[in-house]
Amino acid sequence: MTDADTFDPAVLDALVQGLEPSTPSASLRDRLFGALNTTARFLPFLDRMMRIFDLPEAQAKFELGTIDAPSEWDALTDGVSVRDFDAGDACGDAHGGLVRIEPGHAFPKHSHVGEETVLVLQGRLEDDQGKAYRAGDTIVSGDGSSHELRVVGDEAVLYAALVVAIDIESSPDGDDDWDDDEDLD
């Protein structure tokens, strides 16, 4: 966007102040709220899904379309479910995954083998350093780095992750044995 393309905030405020509030028709309201309850709510992320995961449009739409299909998900730990998918050739050894973390839960502390790229699709979360993320944010974690991601608020977090592999360091309940067979690669 160039300077000529920017809007003067004062002009925008004046325009907004001059508008009379109106109630949408019942059918428009139903359509709008109906769209919020379908996977169409994730279509704003389609281009980024295609770019990050090197996916054609149809496959990226398919992957986003599985978000509301519980049978497509596998439980990783209490409150955390995952769904793996193949990334495109340009991603090399990395693979894709969707992650759902329920309110009050966290994706356990883990270290990265290779770089991890996360695209937050829904909800708010924070890492174990207190850095906050929300829908639309991208998190890039380098090879060998580690973190835990926990939900903030009442809404489940959904994110898409591109990873080579992770090593889960310990379970949330302190049982370190469960991660020996749970490395995601």
N, C-alpha and C. Protein backbone atom coordinates (compact mmCIF):
# COMPACT_ATOMS: atom_id res chain seq x y z
N MET A 1 0.83 -1.16 0.00
CA MET A 1 0.00 0.00 0.00
C MET A 1 0.89 1.24 0.00
N THR A 2 0.64 2.16 -0.86
CA THR A 2 1.43 3.39 -0.93
C THR A 2 0.76 4.46 -0.08
N ASP A 3 1.48 5.58 0.13
CA ASP A 3 0.90 6.69 0.91
C ASP A 3 -0.38 7.20 0.29
N ALA A 4 -0.45 7.16 -1.05
CA ALA A 4 -1.66 7.62 -1.74
C ALA A 4 -2.85 6.71 -1.47
N ASP A 5 -2.56 5.46 -1.08
CA ASP A 5 -3.62 4.48 -0.84
C ASP A 5 -4.12 4.50 0.61
N THR A 6 -3.45 5.22 1.51
CA THR A 6 -3.85 5.22 2.91
C THR A 6 -5.02 6.17 3.14
N PHE A 7 -5.75 5.88 4.18
CA PHE A 7 -6.91 6.70 4.53
C PHE A 7 -6.57 7.55 5.74
N ASP A 8 -7.08 8.74 5.75
CA ASP A 8 -6.93 9.62 6.90
C ASP A 8 -7.88 9.11 7.99
N PRO A 9 -7.33 8.73 9.16
CA PRO A 9 -8.20 8.21 10.23
C PRO A 9 -9.31 9.17 10.62
N ALA A 10 -9.05 10.46 10.57
CA ALA A 10 -10.07 11.45 10.93
C ALA A 10 -11.24 11.39 9.95
N VAL A 11 -10.93 11.18 8.67
CA VAL A 11 -12.00 11.07 7.66
C VAL A 11 -12.81 9.80 7.91
N LEU A 12 -12.12 8.69 8.20
CA LEU A 12 -12.84 7.45 8.48
C LEU A 12 -13.72 7.58 9.71
N ASP A 13 -13.21 8.22 10.77
CA ASP A 13 -14.02 8.44 11.97
C ASP A 13 -15.26 9.27 11.65
N ALA A 14 -15.09 10.31 10.85
CA ALA A 14 -16.22 11.17 10.48
C ALA A 14 -17.27 10.39 9.70
N LEU A 15 -16.80 9.51 8.81
CA LEU A 15 -17.74 8.68 8.04
C LEU A 15 -18.51 7.74 8.95
N VAL A 16 -17.80 7.11 9.87
CA VAL A 16 -18.45 6.17 10.78
C VAL A 16 -19.45 6.91 11.67
N GLN A 17 -19.08 8.06 12.20
CA GLN A 17 -19.96 8.83 13.07
C GLN A 17 -21.23 9.26 12.34
N GLY A 18 -21.14 9.45 11.02
CA GLY A 18 -22.29 9.90 10.25
C GLY A 18 -23.23 8.78 9.85
N LEU A 19 -22.86 7.54 10.12
CA LEU A 19 -23.71 6.41 9.75
C LEU A 19 -24.74 6.14 10.84
N GLU A 20 -25.94 5.86 10.42
CA GLU A 20 -26.99 5.47 11.36
C GLU A 20 -26.92 3.95 11.55
N PRO A 21 -26.92 3.49 12.80
CA PRO A 21 -26.93 2.04 13.04
C PRO A 21 -28.20 1.43 12.43
N SER A 22 -28.04 0.26 11.88
CA SER A 22 -29.21 -0.44 11.33
C SER A 22 -29.15 -1.91 11.71
N THR A 23 -30.30 -2.49 11.84
CA THR A 23 -30.41 -3.91 12.16
C THR A 23 -30.53 -4.69 10.86
N PRO A 24 -29.67 -5.71 10.68
CA PRO A 24 -29.77 -6.50 9.45
C PRO A 24 -31.08 -7.28 9.40
N SER A 25 -31.50 -7.62 8.20
CA SER A 25 -32.71 -8.44 8.07
C SER A 25 -32.46 -9.79 8.73
N ALA A 26 -33.53 -10.46 9.07
CA ALA A 26 -33.41 -11.78 9.72
C ALA A 26 -32.66 -12.76 8.84
N SER A 27 -32.93 -12.76 7.53
CA SER A 27 -32.25 -13.71 6.65
C SER A 27 -30.76 -13.41 6.54
N LEU A 28 -30.38 -12.12 6.47
CA LEU A 28 -28.96 -11.76 6.43
C LEU A 28 -28.28 -12.15 7.73
N ARG A 29 -28.92 -11.86 8.84
CA ARG A 29 -28.36 -12.23 10.15
C ARG A 29 -28.16 -13.74 10.25
N ASP A 30 -29.14 -14.52 9.82
CA ASP A 30 -29.04 -15.99 9.85
C ASP A 30 -27.89 -16.47 8.97
N ARG A 31 -27.75 -15.88 7.80
CA ARG A 31 -26.66 -16.28 6.89
C ARG A 31 -25.30 -15.95 7.48
N LEU A 32 -25.17 -14.76 8.07
CA LEU A 32 -23.90 -14.36 8.67
C LEU A 32 -23.52 -15.27 9.83
N PHE A 33 -24.46 -15.50 10.74
CA PHE A 33 -24.16 -16.37 11.87
C PHE A 33 -23.98 -17.82 11.44
N GLY A 34 -24.68 -18.23 10.40
CA GLY A 34 -24.51 -19.58 9.86
C GLY A 34 -23.10 -19.78 9.32
N ALA A 35 -22.56 -18.78 8.66
CA ALA A 35 -21.20 -18.88 8.11
C ALA A 35 -20.16 -18.98 9.22
N LEU A 36 -20.44 -18.39 10.37
CA LEU A 36 -19.50 -18.47 11.48
C LEU A 36 -19.42 -19.88 12.06
N ASN A 37 -20.42 -20.68 11.85
CA ASN A 37 -20.47 -22.03 12.40
C ASN A 37 -20.06 -23.09 11.40
N THR A 38 -19.42 -22.70 10.32
CA THR A 38 -18.94 -23.66 9.33
C THR A 38 -17.45 -23.44 9.12
N THR A 39 -16.83 -24.34 8.39
CA THR A 39 -15.41 -24.18 8.11
C THR A 39 -15.13 -23.00 7.19
N ALA A 40 -16.18 -22.38 6.63
CA ALA A 40 -15.98 -21.18 5.82
C ALA A 40 -15.31 -20.08 6.64
N ARG A 41 -15.43 -20.16 7.97
CA ARG A 41 -14.80 -19.14 8.82
C ARG A 41 -13.28 -19.17 8.70
N PHE A 42 -12.72 -20.26 8.16
CA PHE A 42 -11.27 -20.37 8.01
C PHE A 42 -10.77 -19.99 6.62
N LEU A 43 -11.68 -19.68 5.70
CA LEU A 43 -11.26 -19.32 4.35
C LEU A 43 -10.35 -18.09 4.29
N PRO A 44 -10.43 -17.14 5.21
CA PRO A 44 -9.46 -16.04 5.16
C PRO A 44 -8.00 -16.52 5.30
N PHE A 45 -7.80 -17.73 5.79
CA PHE A 45 -6.45 -18.26 5.96
C PHE A 45 -6.01 -19.13 4.77
N LEU A 46 -6.86 -19.27 3.76
CA LEU A 46 -6.59 -20.19 2.66
C LEU A 46 -5.27 -19.88 1.95
N ASP A 47 -5.04 -18.64 1.57
CA ASP A 47 -3.79 -18.30 0.87
C ASP A 47 -2.56 -18.63 1.71
N ARG A 48 -2.62 -18.34 3.00
CA ARG A 48 -1.47 -18.64 3.86
C ARG A 48 -1.28 -20.13 4.03
N MET A 49 -2.37 -20.89 4.12
CA MET A 49 -2.26 -22.36 4.19
C MET A 49 -1.59 -22.89 2.93
N MET A 50 -2.00 -22.36 1.79
CA MET A 50 -1.43 -22.81 0.51
C MET A 50 0.07 -22.50 0.47
N ARG A 51 0.45 -21.31 0.91
CA ARG A 51 1.85 -20.89 0.85
C ARG A 51 2.71 -21.64 1.87
N ILE A 52 2.29 -21.70 3.12
CA ILE A 52 3.10 -22.34 4.17
C ILE A 52 3.28 -23.82 3.90
N PHE A 53 2.21 -24.50 3.47
CA PHE A 53 2.24 -25.95 3.33
C PHE A 53 2.46 -26.41 1.89
N ASP A 54 2.65 -25.46 0.96
CA ASP A 54 2.85 -25.78 -0.45
C ASP A 54 1.73 -26.69 -0.95
N LEU A 55 0.50 -26.25 -0.75
CA LEU A 55 -0.67 -27.04 -1.12
C LEU A 55 -1.43 -26.36 -2.25
N PRO A 56 -2.01 -27.15 -3.16
CA PRO A 56 -2.93 -26.56 -4.13
C PRO A 56 -4.21 -26.14 -3.39
N GLU A 57 -4.95 -25.23 -3.98
CA GLU A 57 -6.14 -24.68 -3.32
C GLU A 57 -7.12 -25.75 -2.86
N ALA A 58 -7.39 -26.73 -3.72
CA ALA A 58 -8.38 -27.77 -3.36
C ALA A 58 -7.94 -28.55 -2.13
N GLN A 59 -6.65 -28.87 -2.02
CA GLN A 59 -6.19 -29.63 -0.86
C GLN A 59 -6.20 -28.76 0.40
N ALA A 60 -5.81 -27.49 0.27
CA ALA A 60 -5.85 -26.61 1.44
C ALA A 60 -7.28 -26.47 1.95
N LYS A 61 -8.25 -26.33 1.03
CA LYS A 61 -9.66 -26.26 1.43
C LYS A 61 -10.09 -27.55 2.11
N PHE A 62 -9.65 -28.68 1.56
CA PHE A 62 -9.99 -29.97 2.16
C PHE A 62 -9.47 -30.05 3.60
N GLU A 63 -8.20 -29.69 3.80
CA GLU A 63 -7.61 -29.76 5.14
C GLU A 63 -8.37 -28.86 6.11
N LEU A 64 -8.67 -27.64 5.70
CA LEU A 64 -9.45 -26.75 6.56
C LEU A 64 -10.85 -27.30 6.80
N GLY A 65 -11.39 -28.01 5.81
CA GLY A 65 -12.73 -28.58 5.93
C GLY A 65 -12.83 -29.71 6.93
N THR A 66 -11.70 -30.30 7.32
CA THR A 66 -11.73 -31.40 8.29
C THR A 66 -11.74 -30.91 9.73
N ILE A 67 -11.60 -29.61 9.93
CA ILE A 67 -11.52 -29.07 11.29
C ILE A 67 -12.73 -29.44 12.13
N ASP A 68 -13.91 -29.43 11.54
CA ASP A 68 -15.12 -29.73 12.30
C ASP A 68 -15.58 -31.18 12.17
N ALA A 69 -14.66 -32.07 11.77
CA ALA A 69 -14.97 -33.50 11.63
C ALA A 69 -14.22 -34.28 12.72
N PRO A 70 -14.85 -34.51 13.87
CA PRO A 70 -14.16 -35.16 15.00
C PRO A 70 -13.53 -36.51 14.65
N SER A 71 -14.10 -37.23 13.72
CA SER A 71 -13.56 -38.55 13.37
C SER A 71 -12.20 -38.45 12.68
N GLU A 72 -11.83 -37.28 12.21
CA GLU A 72 -10.55 -37.08 11.52
C GLU A 72 -9.40 -36.81 12.49
N TRP A 73 -9.70 -36.62 13.76
CA TRP A 73 -8.71 -36.20 14.75
C TRP A 73 -8.28 -37.36 15.64
N ASP A 74 -7.04 -37.29 16.13
CA ASP A 74 -6.51 -38.27 17.08
C ASP A 74 -6.14 -37.55 18.37
N ALA A 75 -6.46 -38.16 19.51
CA ALA A 75 -6.10 -37.56 20.80
C ALA A 75 -4.60 -37.70 21.01
N LEU A 76 -3.95 -36.61 21.39
CA LEU A 76 -2.52 -36.64 21.72
C LEU A 76 -2.36 -36.77 23.23
N THR A 77 -3.09 -35.94 23.95
CA THR A 77 -3.13 -35.97 25.41
C THR A 77 -4.46 -35.34 25.82
N ASP A 78 -4.76 -35.34 27.10
CA ASP A 78 -6.02 -34.79 27.56
C ASP A 78 -6.17 -33.34 27.08
N GLY A 79 -7.23 -33.09 26.31
CA GLY A 79 -7.51 -31.74 25.84
C GLY A 79 -6.76 -31.33 24.58
N VAL A 80 -5.94 -32.21 24.02
CA VAL A 80 -5.18 -31.89 22.82
C VAL A 80 -5.40 -32.97 21.77
N SER A 81 -5.87 -32.56 20.59
CA SER A 81 -6.07 -33.48 19.47
C SER A 81 -5.27 -32.98 18.27
N VAL A 82 -4.88 -33.92 17.42
CA VAL A 82 -4.08 -33.59 16.24
C VAL A 82 -4.63 -34.30 15.02
N ARG A 83 -4.34 -33.75 13.86
CA ARG A 83 -4.68 -34.38 12.59
C ARG A 83 -3.53 -34.09 11.63
N ASP A 84 -2.81 -35.14 11.24
CA ASP A 84 -1.68 -34.99 10.32
C ASP A 84 -2.14 -34.97 8.88
N PHE A 85 -1.39 -34.25 8.04
CA PHE A 85 -1.62 -34.27 6.60
C PHE A 85 -0.29 -34.05 5.89
N ASP A 86 -0.23 -34.46 4.64
CA ASP A 86 0.99 -34.31 3.85
C ASP A 86 1.12 -32.89 3.33
N ALA A 87 2.30 -32.31 3.52
CA ALA A 87 2.60 -31.01 2.94
C ALA A 87 3.14 -31.24 1.53
N GLY A 88 3.23 -30.17 0.75
CA GLY A 88 3.72 -30.27 -0.63
C GLY A 88 5.22 -30.53 -0.70
N ASP A 89 5.68 -30.83 -1.89
CA ASP A 89 7.09 -31.18 -2.12
C ASP A 89 8.07 -30.11 -1.68
N ALA A 90 7.70 -28.84 -1.82
CA ALA A 90 8.61 -27.75 -1.46
C ALA A 90 8.91 -27.73 0.05
N CYS A 91 8.14 -28.46 0.84
CA CYS A 91 8.33 -28.49 2.30
C CYS A 91 9.36 -29.53 2.72
N GLY A 92 9.90 -30.28 1.77
CA GLY A 92 10.94 -31.26 2.09
C GLY A 92 10.44 -32.34 3.04
N ASP A 93 11.20 -32.53 4.13
CA ASP A 93 10.86 -33.57 5.11
C ASP A 93 9.75 -33.17 6.06
N ALA A 94 9.34 -31.92 6.02
CA ALA A 94 8.30 -31.44 6.95
C ALA A 94 6.93 -31.97 6.54
N HIS A 95 6.07 -32.09 7.51
CA HIS A 95 4.68 -32.49 7.26
C HIS A 95 3.75 -31.53 7.98
N GLY A 96 2.50 -31.56 7.59
CA GLY A 96 1.52 -30.65 8.16
C GLY A 96 0.68 -31.32 9.23
N GLY A 97 0.12 -30.50 10.06
CA GLY A 97 -0.79 -31.00 11.08
C GLY A 97 -1.71 -29.90 11.55
N LEU A 98 -2.91 -30.30 11.91
CA LEU A 98 -3.84 -29.40 12.58
C LEU A 98 -3.84 -29.78 14.05
N VAL A 99 -3.91 -28.80 14.91
CA VAL A 99 -3.88 -29.04 16.35
C VAL A 99 -5.07 -28.31 16.98
N ARG A 100 -5.77 -29.01 17.85
CA ARG A 100 -6.88 -28.43 18.61
C ARG A 100 -6.53 -28.57 20.09
N ILE A 101 -6.56 -27.43 20.80
CA ILE A 101 -6.31 -27.44 22.24
C ILE A 101 -7.55 -26.85 22.92
N GLU A 102 -8.14 -27.64 23.79
CA GLU A 102 -9.35 -27.22 24.49
C GLU A 102 -9.02 -26.22 25.60
N PRO A 103 -9.99 -25.37 25.95
CA PRO A 103 -9.76 -24.41 27.05
C PRO A 103 -9.28 -25.13 28.31
N GLY A 104 -8.35 -24.49 29.00
CA GLY A 104 -7.81 -25.06 30.23
C GLY A 104 -6.70 -26.07 29.99
N HIS A 105 -6.28 -26.27 28.74
CA HIS A 105 -5.25 -27.25 28.42
C HIS A 105 -4.09 -26.60 27.67
N ALA A 106 -3.02 -27.38 27.49
CA ALA A 106 -1.83 -26.89 26.80
C ALA A 106 -1.24 -27.99 25.92
N PHE A 107 -0.61 -27.57 24.82
CA PHE A 107 0.23 -28.51 24.07
C PHE A 107 1.50 -28.62 24.89
N PRO A 108 1.88 -29.86 25.25
CA PRO A 108 2.99 -30.02 26.20
C PRO A 108 4.31 -29.45 25.69
N LYS A 109 5.17 -29.16 26.64
CA LYS A 109 6.51 -28.66 26.32
C LYS A 109 7.18 -29.65 25.37
N HIS A 110 7.74 -29.09 24.29
CA HIS A 110 8.38 -29.93 23.28
C HIS A 110 9.51 -29.15 22.62
N SER A 111 10.46 -29.91 22.08
CA SER A 111 11.56 -29.29 21.33
C SER A 111 11.39 -29.66 19.87
N HIS A 112 11.97 -28.81 19.02
CA HIS A 112 11.80 -28.96 17.58
C HIS A 112 13.02 -29.58 16.92
N VAL A 113 12.76 -30.53 16.04
CA VAL A 113 13.78 -31.07 15.16
C VAL A 113 13.49 -30.42 13.81
N GLY A 114 14.28 -29.44 13.44
CA GLY A 114 13.97 -28.63 12.27
C GLY A 114 13.07 -27.48 12.69
N GLU A 115 12.80 -26.59 11.76
CA GLU A 115 11.97 -25.42 12.03
C GLU A 115 10.49 -25.80 12.10
N GLU A 116 9.76 -25.12 12.96
CA GLU A 116 8.31 -25.29 13.07
C GLU A 116 7.65 -23.96 12.71
N THR A 117 6.62 -24.02 11.86
CA THR A 117 5.82 -22.84 11.54
C THR A 117 4.39 -23.13 11.93
N VAL A 118 3.81 -22.26 12.74
CA VAL A 118 2.44 -22.41 13.22
C VAL A 118 1.62 -21.23 12.72
N LEU A 119 0.43 -21.52 12.19
CA LEU A 119 -0.54 -20.50 11.80
C LEU A 119 -1.74 -20.67 12.72
N VAL A 120 -1.98 -19.70 13.58
CA VAL A 120 -3.11 -19.76 14.52
C VAL A 120 -4.38 -19.45 13.75
N LEU A 121 -5.35 -20.38 13.79
CA LEU A 121 -6.60 -20.25 13.06
C LEU A 121 -7.76 -19.75 13.92
N GLN A 122 -7.70 -20.07 15.20
CA GLN A 122 -8.81 -19.71 16.10
C GLN A 122 -8.30 -19.64 17.52
N GLY A 123 -8.82 -18.70 18.29
CA GLY A 123 -8.54 -18.63 19.70
C GLY A 123 -7.29 -17.83 20.03
N ARG A 124 -6.98 -17.86 21.34
CA ARG A 124 -5.81 -17.15 21.84
C ARG A 124 -4.98 -18.13 22.66
N LEU A 125 -3.66 -17.99 22.56
CA LEU A 125 -2.78 -18.84 23.35
C LEU A 125 -1.55 -18.05 23.74
N GLU A 126 -0.78 -18.64 24.66
CA GLU A 126 0.49 -18.04 25.01
C GLU A 126 1.50 -19.14 25.23
N ASP A 127 2.77 -18.78 25.03
CA ASP A 127 3.83 -19.76 25.24
C ASP A 127 4.32 -19.67 26.69
N ASP A 128 5.27 -20.53 27.03
CA ASP A 128 5.75 -20.58 28.40
C ASP A 128 6.64 -19.38 28.76
N GLN A 129 6.90 -18.50 27.81
CA GLN A 129 7.61 -17.25 28.08
C GLN A 129 6.63 -16.08 28.26
N GLY A 130 5.31 -16.36 28.13
CA GLY A 130 4.30 -15.34 28.30
C GLY A 130 3.96 -14.57 27.03
N LYS A 131 4.53 -14.94 25.90
CA LYS A 131 4.22 -14.26 24.64
C LYS A 131 2.85 -14.74 24.15
N ALA A 132 1.99 -13.77 23.82
CA ALA A 132 0.61 -14.07 23.45
C ALA A 132 0.45 -14.11 21.93
N TYR A 133 -0.45 -14.98 21.48
CA TYR A 133 -0.77 -15.14 20.06
C TYR A 133 -2.28 -15.26 19.92
N ARG A 134 -2.77 -14.86 18.74
CA ARG A 134 -4.20 -14.96 18.46
C ARG A 134 -4.40 -15.37 17.01
N ALA A 135 -5.65 -15.61 16.65
CA ALA A 135 -5.97 -16.02 15.28
C ALA A 135 -5.33 -15.05 14.28
N GLY A 136 -4.68 -15.62 13.29
CA GLY A 136 -4.00 -14.84 12.27
C GLY A 136 -2.50 -14.72 12.48
N ASP A 137 -2.04 -14.99 13.70
CA ASP A 137 -0.60 -14.89 13.98
C ASP A 137 0.14 -16.11 13.46
N THR A 138 1.39 -15.89 13.10
CA THR A 138 2.29 -16.97 12.69
C THR A 138 3.41 -17.03 13.72
N ILE A 139 3.73 -18.25 14.14
CA ILE A 139 4.81 -18.49 15.10
C ILE A 139 5.86 -19.33 14.38
N VAL A 140 7.09 -18.86 14.34
CA VAL A 140 8.18 -19.63 13.74
C VAL A 140 9.16 -19.96 14.85
N SER A 141 9.42 -21.25 15.05
CA SER A 141 10.34 -21.72 16.09
C SER A 141 11.48 -22.46 15.41
N GLY A 142 12.70 -22.09 15.75
CA GLY A 142 13.88 -22.65 15.12
C GLY A 142 14.22 -24.06 15.58
N ASP A 143 15.06 -24.71 14.80
CA ASP A 143 15.57 -26.04 15.12
C ASP A 143 16.20 -26.02 16.51
N GLY A 144 15.81 -26.97 17.36
CA GLY A 144 16.36 -27.09 18.70
C GLY A 144 15.66 -26.24 19.74
N SER A 145 14.78 -25.33 19.33
CA SER A 145 14.06 -24.51 20.31
C SER A 145 12.97 -25.35 20.96
N SER A 146 12.45 -24.86 22.08
CA SER A 146 11.37 -25.59 22.76
C SER A 146 10.38 -24.59 23.35
N HIS A 147 9.17 -25.06 23.54
CA HIS A 147 8.13 -24.26 24.16
C HIS A 147 6.92 -25.12 24.50
N GLU A 148 6.02 -24.52 25.29
CA GLU A 148 4.71 -25.07 25.59
C GLU A 148 3.72 -24.01 25.12
N LEU A 149 2.59 -24.43 24.59
CA LEU A 149 1.56 -23.49 24.15
C LEU A 149 0.27 -23.80 24.90
N ARG A 150 -0.29 -22.80 25.59
CA ARG A 150 -1.50 -23.03 26.37
C ARG A 150 -2.60 -22.05 25.97
N VAL A 151 -3.82 -22.52 26.09
CA VAL A 151 -5.00 -21.74 25.73
C VAL A 151 -5.21 -20.61 26.74
N VAL A 152 -5.59 -19.45 26.23
CA VAL A 152 -5.99 -18.32 27.04
C VAL A 152 -7.46 -18.07 26.74
N GLY A 153 -8.30 -18.10 27.75
CA GLY A 153 -9.71 -17.82 27.57
C GLY A 153 -10.56 -19.08 27.45
N ASP A 154 -11.81 -18.87 27.00
CA ASP A 154 -12.82 -19.93 26.97
C ASP A 154 -12.96 -20.62 25.62
N GLU A 155 -12.25 -20.17 24.61
CA GLU A 155 -12.41 -20.72 23.26
C GLU A 155 -11.27 -21.68 22.95
N ALA A 156 -11.60 -22.82 22.34
CA ALA A 156 -10.58 -23.76 21.92
C ALA A 156 -9.65 -23.08 20.91
N VAL A 157 -8.38 -23.46 20.94
CA VAL A 157 -7.41 -22.97 19.97
C VAL A 157 -7.28 -24.00 18.86
N LEU A 158 -7.25 -23.50 17.64
CA LEU A 158 -6.97 -24.34 16.47
C LEU A 158 -5.79 -23.71 15.75
N TYR A 159 -4.82 -24.55 15.40
CA TYR A 159 -3.73 -24.03 14.58
C TYR A 159 -3.22 -25.10 13.63
N ALA A 160 -2.60 -24.63 12.57
CA ALA A 160 -1.96 -25.50 11.59
C ALA A 160 -0.46 -25.38 11.81
N ALA A 161 0.24 -26.53 11.80
CA ALA A 161 1.68 -26.53 12.06
C ALA A 161 2.42 -27.29 10.97
N LEU A 162 3.53 -26.72 10.56
CA LEU A 162 4.45 -27.38 9.62
C LEU A 162 5.68 -27.74 10.41
N VAL A 163 5.96 -29.05 10.54
CA VAL A 163 7.07 -29.52 11.37
C VAL A 163 7.81 -30.66 10.69
N VAL A 164 9.10 -30.79 11.03
CA VAL A 164 9.85 -31.98 10.63
C VAL A 164 9.57 -33.04 11.69
N ALA A 165 9.83 -32.71 12.94
CA ALA A 165 9.53 -33.60 14.07
C ALA A 165 9.60 -32.79 15.35
N ILE A 166 8.93 -33.30 16.38
CA ILE A 166 9.03 -32.70 17.70
C ILE A 166 9.32 -33.81 18.71
N ASP A 167 9.94 -33.42 19.79
CA ASP A 167 10.21 -34.34 20.89
C ASP A 167 9.49 -33.78 22.10
N ILE A 168 8.44 -34.46 22.53
CA ILE A 168 7.66 -34.00 23.68
C ILE A 168 8.45 -34.33 24.94
N GLU A 169 8.72 -33.29 25.73
CA GLU A 169 9.62 -33.43 26.87
C GLU A 169 8.97 -34.07 28.08
N SER A 170 7.72 -33.73 28.38
CA SER A 170 7.03 -34.35 29.50
C SER A 170 5.55 -34.11 29.35
N SER A 171 4.77 -34.98 29.97
CA SER A 171 3.32 -34.82 29.91
C SER A 171 2.89 -33.79 30.93
N PRO A 172 1.70 -33.22 30.76
CA PRO A 172 1.21 -32.20 31.70
C PRO A 172 1.06 -32.72 33.12
N ASP A 173 0.84 -34.03 33.30
CA ASP A 173 0.66 -34.55 34.65
C ASP A 173 1.96 -35.06 35.26
N GLY A 174 3.09 -34.80 34.61
CA GLY A 174 4.38 -35.20 35.15
C GLY A 174 4.81 -36.59 34.77
N ASP A 175 4.01 -37.36 34.04
CA ASP A 175 4.37 -38.71 33.62
C ASP A 175 5.26 -38.61 32.39
N ASP A 176 6.57 -38.77 32.59
CA ASP A 176 7.52 -38.61 31.49
C ASP A 176 7.60 -39.83 30.58
N ASP A 177 6.95 -40.94 30.92
CA ASP A 177 7.06 -42.15 30.11
C ASP A 177 6.24 -42.09 28.83
N TRP A 178 5.16 -41.33 28.83
CA TRP A 178 4.25 -41.33 27.69
C TRP A 178 4.88 -40.79 26.44
N ASP A 179 5.90 -39.91 26.54
CA ASP A 179 6.43 -39.28 25.34
C ASP A 179 7.44 -40.15 24.61
N ASP A 180 7.90 -41.25 25.20
CA ASP A 180 8.89 -42.08 24.52
C ASP A 180 8.39 -42.58 23.18
N ASP A 181 7.11 -42.87 23.07
CA ASP A 181 6.54 -43.38 21.82
C ASP A 181 5.69 -42.33 21.12
N GLU A 182 5.69 -41.11 21.60
CA GLU A 182 4.79 -40.09 21.07
C GLU A 182 5.48 -39.04 20.24
N ASP A 183 6.77 -39.22 19.91
CA ASP A 183 7.42 -38.22 19.07
C ASP A 183 6.67 -38.13 17.77
N LEU A 184 6.37 -36.94 17.33
CA LEU A 184 5.63 -36.72 16.09
C LEU A 184 6.62 -36.52 14.96
N ASP A 185 6.82 -37.54 14.17
CA ASP A 185 7.68 -37.38 12.99
C ASP A 185 7.17 -38.19 11.85
